[in-house]
Amino acid sequence: MPGSQGDVVLYVCTTCRAEGDSAEIRAGARLRAALEARLAEAPVPGLRIEPVECLSVCRRPCTVAVASAGRWTYVYGDLDPAASAAALLDGIGLYAATPDGIVPWRARPEAFRKGVVARIPPFPPSVPPPIPEAAE
C-alpha cells in the first residue's frame, strides 16, 4: 500500500448480528470471511485484518474500524456482510495513500460516506511546536 505510515489494520467485529439474522454464523463473521476471501484473490500489501469480539456499535452492524499509526481511525457501520468487501478494500487503499488517513469526502466509497460512525484522532496526539517568546 502506498504511504509511509506503515501498515493498515482493519478491525472487524465478528460478533455483529444483523437485524433478523438467524444464521448460525453471525453477520460480522461472514463479513470477515468475505474480506479474507477477496484478499486471497487479490492480496493488499500492508493490510492486516484483525477480528475483534465487539466494537460496541451493535445498533449499526456490521461494523469495522480502520486504523494506522499516525493516521485518523475511522469506525464504519451498516455494512452488508456479503457485498461490502470490495468497497471496504477500495476505501482502505485510498486511506493508506494519505499521510493522515483523511480521504476527501467525494472520493470515499459510498459505504464510507454513509456508514461513518466515528473519526478518532491519531494516537499519540501530535505535540504542537512551542510558541516563540514575544520580542519585547
C-alpha atoms as a PDB file:
ATOM      1  CA  MET A   1       0.000   0.000   0.000  1.00  0.00           C
ATOM      2  CA  PRO A   2       1.235   3.490  -0.711  1.00  0.00           C
ATOM      3  CA  GLY A   3       2.023   5.778   2.161  1.00  0.00           C
ATOM      4  CA  SER A   4       4.862   5.994   4.601  1.00  0.00           C
ATOM      5  CA  GLN A   5       2.981   5.491   7.842  1.00  0.00           C
ATOM      6  CA  GLY A   6       3.135   1.698   7.823  1.00  0.00           C
ATOM      7  CA  ASP A   7       0.540  -0.995   7.941  1.00  0.00           C
ATOM      8  CA  VAL A   8      -3.201  -0.509   7.996  1.00  0.00           C
ATOM      9  CA  VAL A   9      -5.288  -2.616  10.348  1.00  0.00           C
ATOM     10  CA  LEU A  10      -8.908  -3.435   9.598  1.00  0.00           C
ATOM     11  CA  TYR A  11     -10.658  -4.457  12.805  1.00  0.00           C
ATOM     12  CA  VAL A  12     -13.778  -6.480  12.028  1.00  0.00           C
ATOM     13  CA  CYS A  13     -16.416  -7.041  14.700  1.00  0.00           C
ATOM     14  CA  THR A  14     -17.137 -10.739  14.442  1.00  0.00           C
ATOM     15  CA  THR A  15     -19.995 -10.675  16.950  1.00  0.00           C
ATOM     16  CA  CYS A  16     -22.172  -8.247  14.966  1.00  0.00           C
ATOM     17  CA  ARG A  17     -25.594  -9.686  14.312  1.00  0.00           C
ATOM     18  CA  ALA A  18     -27.707  -8.140  11.574  1.00  0.00           C
ATOM     19  CA  GLU A  19     -31.371  -7.460  12.360  1.00  0.00           C
ATOM     20  CA  GLY A  20     -33.362 -10.605  11.738  1.00  0.00           C
ATOM     21  CA  ASP A  21     -30.149 -12.586  11.313  1.00  0.00           C
ATOM     22  CA  SER A  22     -30.885 -16.192  12.140  1.00  0.00           C
ATOM     23  CA  ALA A  23     -27.761 -17.642  10.563  1.00  0.00           C
ATOM     24  CA  GLU A  24     -25.541 -19.679  12.836  1.00  0.00           C
ATOM     25  CA  ILE A  25     -22.518 -17.672  11.706  1.00  0.00           C
ATOM     26  CA  ARG A  26     -23.119 -14.036  12.593  1.00  0.00           C
ATOM     27  CA  ALA A  27     -23.055 -11.282  10.003  1.00  0.00           C
ATOM     28  CA  GLY A  28     -19.782  -9.867  11.328  1.00  0.00           C
ATOM     29  CA  ALA A  29     -18.049 -13.215  10.944  1.00  0.00           C
ATOM     30  CA  ARG A  30     -19.480 -13.515   7.420  1.00  0.00           C
ATOM     31  CA  LEU A  31     -18.069 -10.061   6.597  1.00  0.00           C
ATOM     32  CA  ARG A  32     -14.649 -11.142   7.854  1.00  0.00           C
ATOM     33  CA  ALA A  33     -14.821 -14.299   5.719  1.00  0.00           C
ATOM     34  CA  ALA A  34     -15.803 -12.259   2.635  1.00  0.00           C
ATOM     35  CA  LEU A  35     -12.883  -9.884   3.210  1.00  0.00           C
ATOM     36  CA  GLU A  36     -10.405 -12.727   3.634  1.00  0.00           C
ATOM     37  CA  ALA A  37     -11.718 -14.478   0.505  1.00  0.00           C
ATOM     38  CA  ARG A  38     -11.314 -11.294  -1.503  1.00  0.00           C
ATOM     39  CA  LEU A  39      -7.788 -10.787  -0.137  1.00  0.00           C
ATOM     40  CA  ALA A  40      -6.883 -14.370  -1.063  1.00  0.00           C
ATOM     41  CA  GLU A  41      -7.707 -13.491  -4.688  1.00  0.00           C
ATOM     42  CA  ALA A  42      -6.048 -10.058  -4.643  1.00  0.00           C
ATOM     43  CA  PRO A  43      -3.687  -9.505  -1.682  1.00  0.00           C
ATOM     44  CA  VAL A  44      -3.292  -5.967  -0.377  1.00  0.00           C
ATOM     45  CA  PRO A  45       0.267  -5.407   0.880  1.00  0.00           C
ATOM     46  CA  GLY A  46       0.394  -3.807   4.309  1.00  0.00           C
ATOM     47  CA  LEU A  47      -3.200  -4.664   5.242  1.00  0.00           C
ATOM     48  CA  ARG A  48      -3.874  -6.801   8.298  1.00  0.00           C
ATOM     49  CA  ILE A  49      -7.363  -7.974   9.261  1.00  0.00           C
ATOM     50  CA  GLU A  50      -7.920  -8.372  12.982  1.00  0.00           C
ATOM     51  CA  PRO A  51     -11.131  -9.941  14.263  1.00  0.00           C
ATOM     52  CA  VAL A  52     -12.479  -8.371  17.452  1.00  0.00           C
ATOM     53  CA  GLU A  53     -15.209  -9.598  19.753  1.00  0.00           C
ATOM     54  CA  CYS A  54     -17.134  -6.336  19.871  1.00  0.00           C
ATOM     55  CA  LEU A  55     -16.769  -2.727  18.709  1.00  0.00           C
ATOM     56  CA  SER A  56     -19.865  -1.665  20.731  1.00  0.00           C
ATOM     57  CA  VAL A  57     -21.761  -0.381  17.702  1.00  0.00           C
ATOM     58  CA  CYS A  58     -24.463  -3.037  17.949  1.00  0.00           C
ATOM     59  CA  ARG A  59     -27.195  -0.783  16.573  1.00  0.00           C
ATOM     60  CA  ARG A  60     -25.277  -0.402  13.276  1.00  0.00           C
ATOM     61  CA  PRO A  61     -23.992  -3.863  12.306  1.00  0.00           C
ATOM     62  CA  CYS A  62     -21.779  -4.892  10.571  1.00  0.00           C
ATOM     63  CA  THR A  63     -19.008  -2.707  11.980  1.00  0.00           C
ATOM     64  CA  VAL A  64     -15.321  -2.254  11.235  1.00  0.00           C
ATOM     65  CA  ALA A  65     -12.559   0.135  12.288  1.00  0.00           C
ATOM     66  CA  VAL A  66      -9.721   1.258  10.020  1.00  0.00           C
ATOM     67  CA  ALA A  67      -6.534   2.306  11.829  1.00  0.00           C
ATOM     68  CA  SER A  68      -2.888   3.060  11.150  1.00  0.00           C
ATOM     69  CA  ALA A  69      -0.103   4.724  13.133  1.00  0.00           C
ATOM     70  CA  GLY A  70      -0.137   8.484  12.692  1.00  0.00           C
ATOM     71  CA  ARG A  71      -3.477   8.498  10.877  1.00  0.00           C
ATOM     72  CA  TRP A  72      -7.050   9.143  11.937  1.00  0.00           C
ATOM     73  CA  THR A  73      -9.002   6.000  12.845  1.00  0.00           C
ATOM     74  CA  TYR A  74     -12.444   5.555  11.312  1.00  0.00           C
ATOM     75  CA  VAL A  75     -15.313   3.363  12.514  1.00  0.00           C
ATOM     76  CA  TYR A  76     -17.886   2.319   9.907  1.00  0.00           C
ATOM     77  CA  GLY A  77     -21.190   0.530  10.409  1.00  0.00           C
ATOM     78  CA  ASP A  78     -24.250  -0.589   8.472  1.00  0.00           C
ATOM     79  CA  LEU A  79     -22.113  -2.753   6.197  1.00  0.00           C
ATOM     80  CA  ASP A  80     -23.594  -5.597   4.166  1.00  0.00           C
ATOM     81  CA  PRO A  81     -21.649  -8.753   5.059  1.00  0.00           C
ATOM     82  CA  ALA A  82     -21.902 -10.149   1.522  1.00  0.00           C
ATOM     83  CA  ALA A  83     -21.471  -7.007  -0.587  1.00  0.00           C
ATOM     84  CA  SER A  84     -19.155  -4.669   1.365  1.00  0.00           C
ATOM     85  CA  ALA A  85     -15.766  -6.369   0.983  1.00  0.00           C
ATOM     86  CA  ALA A  86     -14.823  -4.718  -2.326  1.00  0.00           C
ATOM     87  CA  ALA A  87     -15.881  -1.231  -1.193  1.00  0.00           C
ATOM     88  CA  LEU A  88     -14.025  -1.638   2.105  1.00  0.00           C
ATOM     89  CA  LEU A  89     -10.822  -2.676   0.384  1.00  0.00           C
ATOM     90  CA  ASP A  90     -11.128   0.178  -2.137  1.00  0.00           C
ATOM     91  CA  GLY A  91     -11.623   2.658   0.695  1.00  0.00           C
ATOM     92  CA  ILE A  92      -8.683   1.249   2.633  1.00  0.00           C
ATOM     93  CA  GLY A  93      -6.481   1.722  -0.425  1.00  0.00           C
ATOM     94  CA  LEU A  94      -7.468   5.399  -0.531  1.00  0.00           C
ATOM     95  CA  TYR A  95      -6.934   5.721   3.227  1.00  0.00           C
ATOM     96  CA  ALA A  96      -3.471   4.144   3.043  1.00  0.00           C
ATOM     97  CA  ALA A  97      -2.427   6.544   0.283  1.00  0.00           C
ATOM     98  CA  THR A  98      -2.908   9.558   2.582  1.00  0.00           C
ATOM     99  CA  PRO A  99      -0.417  10.822   5.162  1.00  0.00           C
ATOM    100  CA  ASP A 100      -3.149  11.410   7.762  1.00  0.00           C
ATOM    101  CA  GLY A 101      -5.948   8.979   6.833  1.00  0.00           C
ATOM    102  CA  ILE A 102      -8.322  11.707   5.701  1.00  0.00           C
ATOM    103  CA  VAL A 103      -9.764  10.840   2.285  1.00  0.00           C
ATOM    104  CA  PRO A 104     -11.692  13.649   0.542  1.00  0.00           C
ATOM    105  CA  TRP A 105     -15.442  13.148   1.056  1.00  0.00           C
ATOM    106  CA  ARG A 106     -16.323  12.797  -2.629  1.00  0.00           C
ATOM    107  CA  ALA A 107     -13.535  10.253  -3.218  1.00  0.00           C
ATOM    108  CA  ARG A 108     -14.756   7.885  -0.490  1.00  0.00           C
ATOM    109  CA  PRO A 109     -16.775   4.787  -1.402  1.00  0.00           C
ATOM    110  CA  GLU A 110     -20.475   5.191  -0.610  1.00  0.00           C
ATOM    111  CA  ALA A 111     -20.205   2.713   2.290  1.00  0.00           C
ATOM    112  CA  PHE A 112     -17.633   5.048   3.887  1.00  0.00           C
ATOM    113  CA  ARG A 113     -19.728   8.185   3.334  1.00  0.00           C
ATOM    114  CA  LYS A 114     -22.974   6.705   4.666  1.00  0.00           C
ATOM    115  CA  GLY A 115     -21.595   4.310   7.263  1.00  0.00           C
ATOM    116  CA  VAL A 116     -19.207   6.515   9.220  1.00  0.00           C
ATOM    117  CA  VAL A 117     -19.824   6.136  12.957  1.00  0.00           C
ATOM    118  CA  ALA A 118     -16.757   7.897  14.361  1.00  0.00           C
ATOM    119  CA  ARG A 119     -13.475   9.541  13.442  1.00  0.00           C
ATOM    120  CA  ILE A 120     -10.803   9.289  16.135  1.00  0.00           C
ATOM    121  CA  PRO A 121      -7.638  11.441  16.171  1.00  0.00           C
ATOM    122  CA  PRO A 122      -4.258   9.800  15.684  1.00  0.00           C
ATOM    123  CA  PHE A 123      -2.535   8.417  18.751  1.00  0.00           C
ATOM    124  CA  PRO A 124      -0.315   9.550  20.250  1.00  0.00           C
ATOM    125  CA  PRO A 125      -1.534  13.107  19.772  1.00  0.00           C
ATOM    126  CA  SER A 126       0.825  15.345  17.888  1.00  0.00           C
ATOM    127  CA  VAL A 127       2.695  17.817  20.043  1.00  0.00           C
ATOM    128  CA  PRO A 128       2.273  21.403  18.886  1.00  0.00           C
ATOM    129  CA  PRO A 129       5.505  23.294  18.314  1.00  0.00           C
ATOM    130  CA  PRO A 130       6.479  25.615  21.165  1.00  0.00           C
ATOM    131  CA  ILE A 131       5.178  29.148  20.876  1.00  0.00           C
ATOM    132  CA  PRO A 132       8.087  31.530  20.400  1.00  0.00           C
ATOM    133  CA  GLU A 133       8.500  34.152  23.053  1.00  0.00           C
ATOM    134  CA  ALA A 134       7.410  37.608  22.038  1.00  0.00           C
ATOM    135  CA  ALA A 135      10.155  40.072  21.269  1.00  0.00           C
ATOM    136  CA  GLU A 136       9.961  42.966  23.663  1.00  0.00           C
END
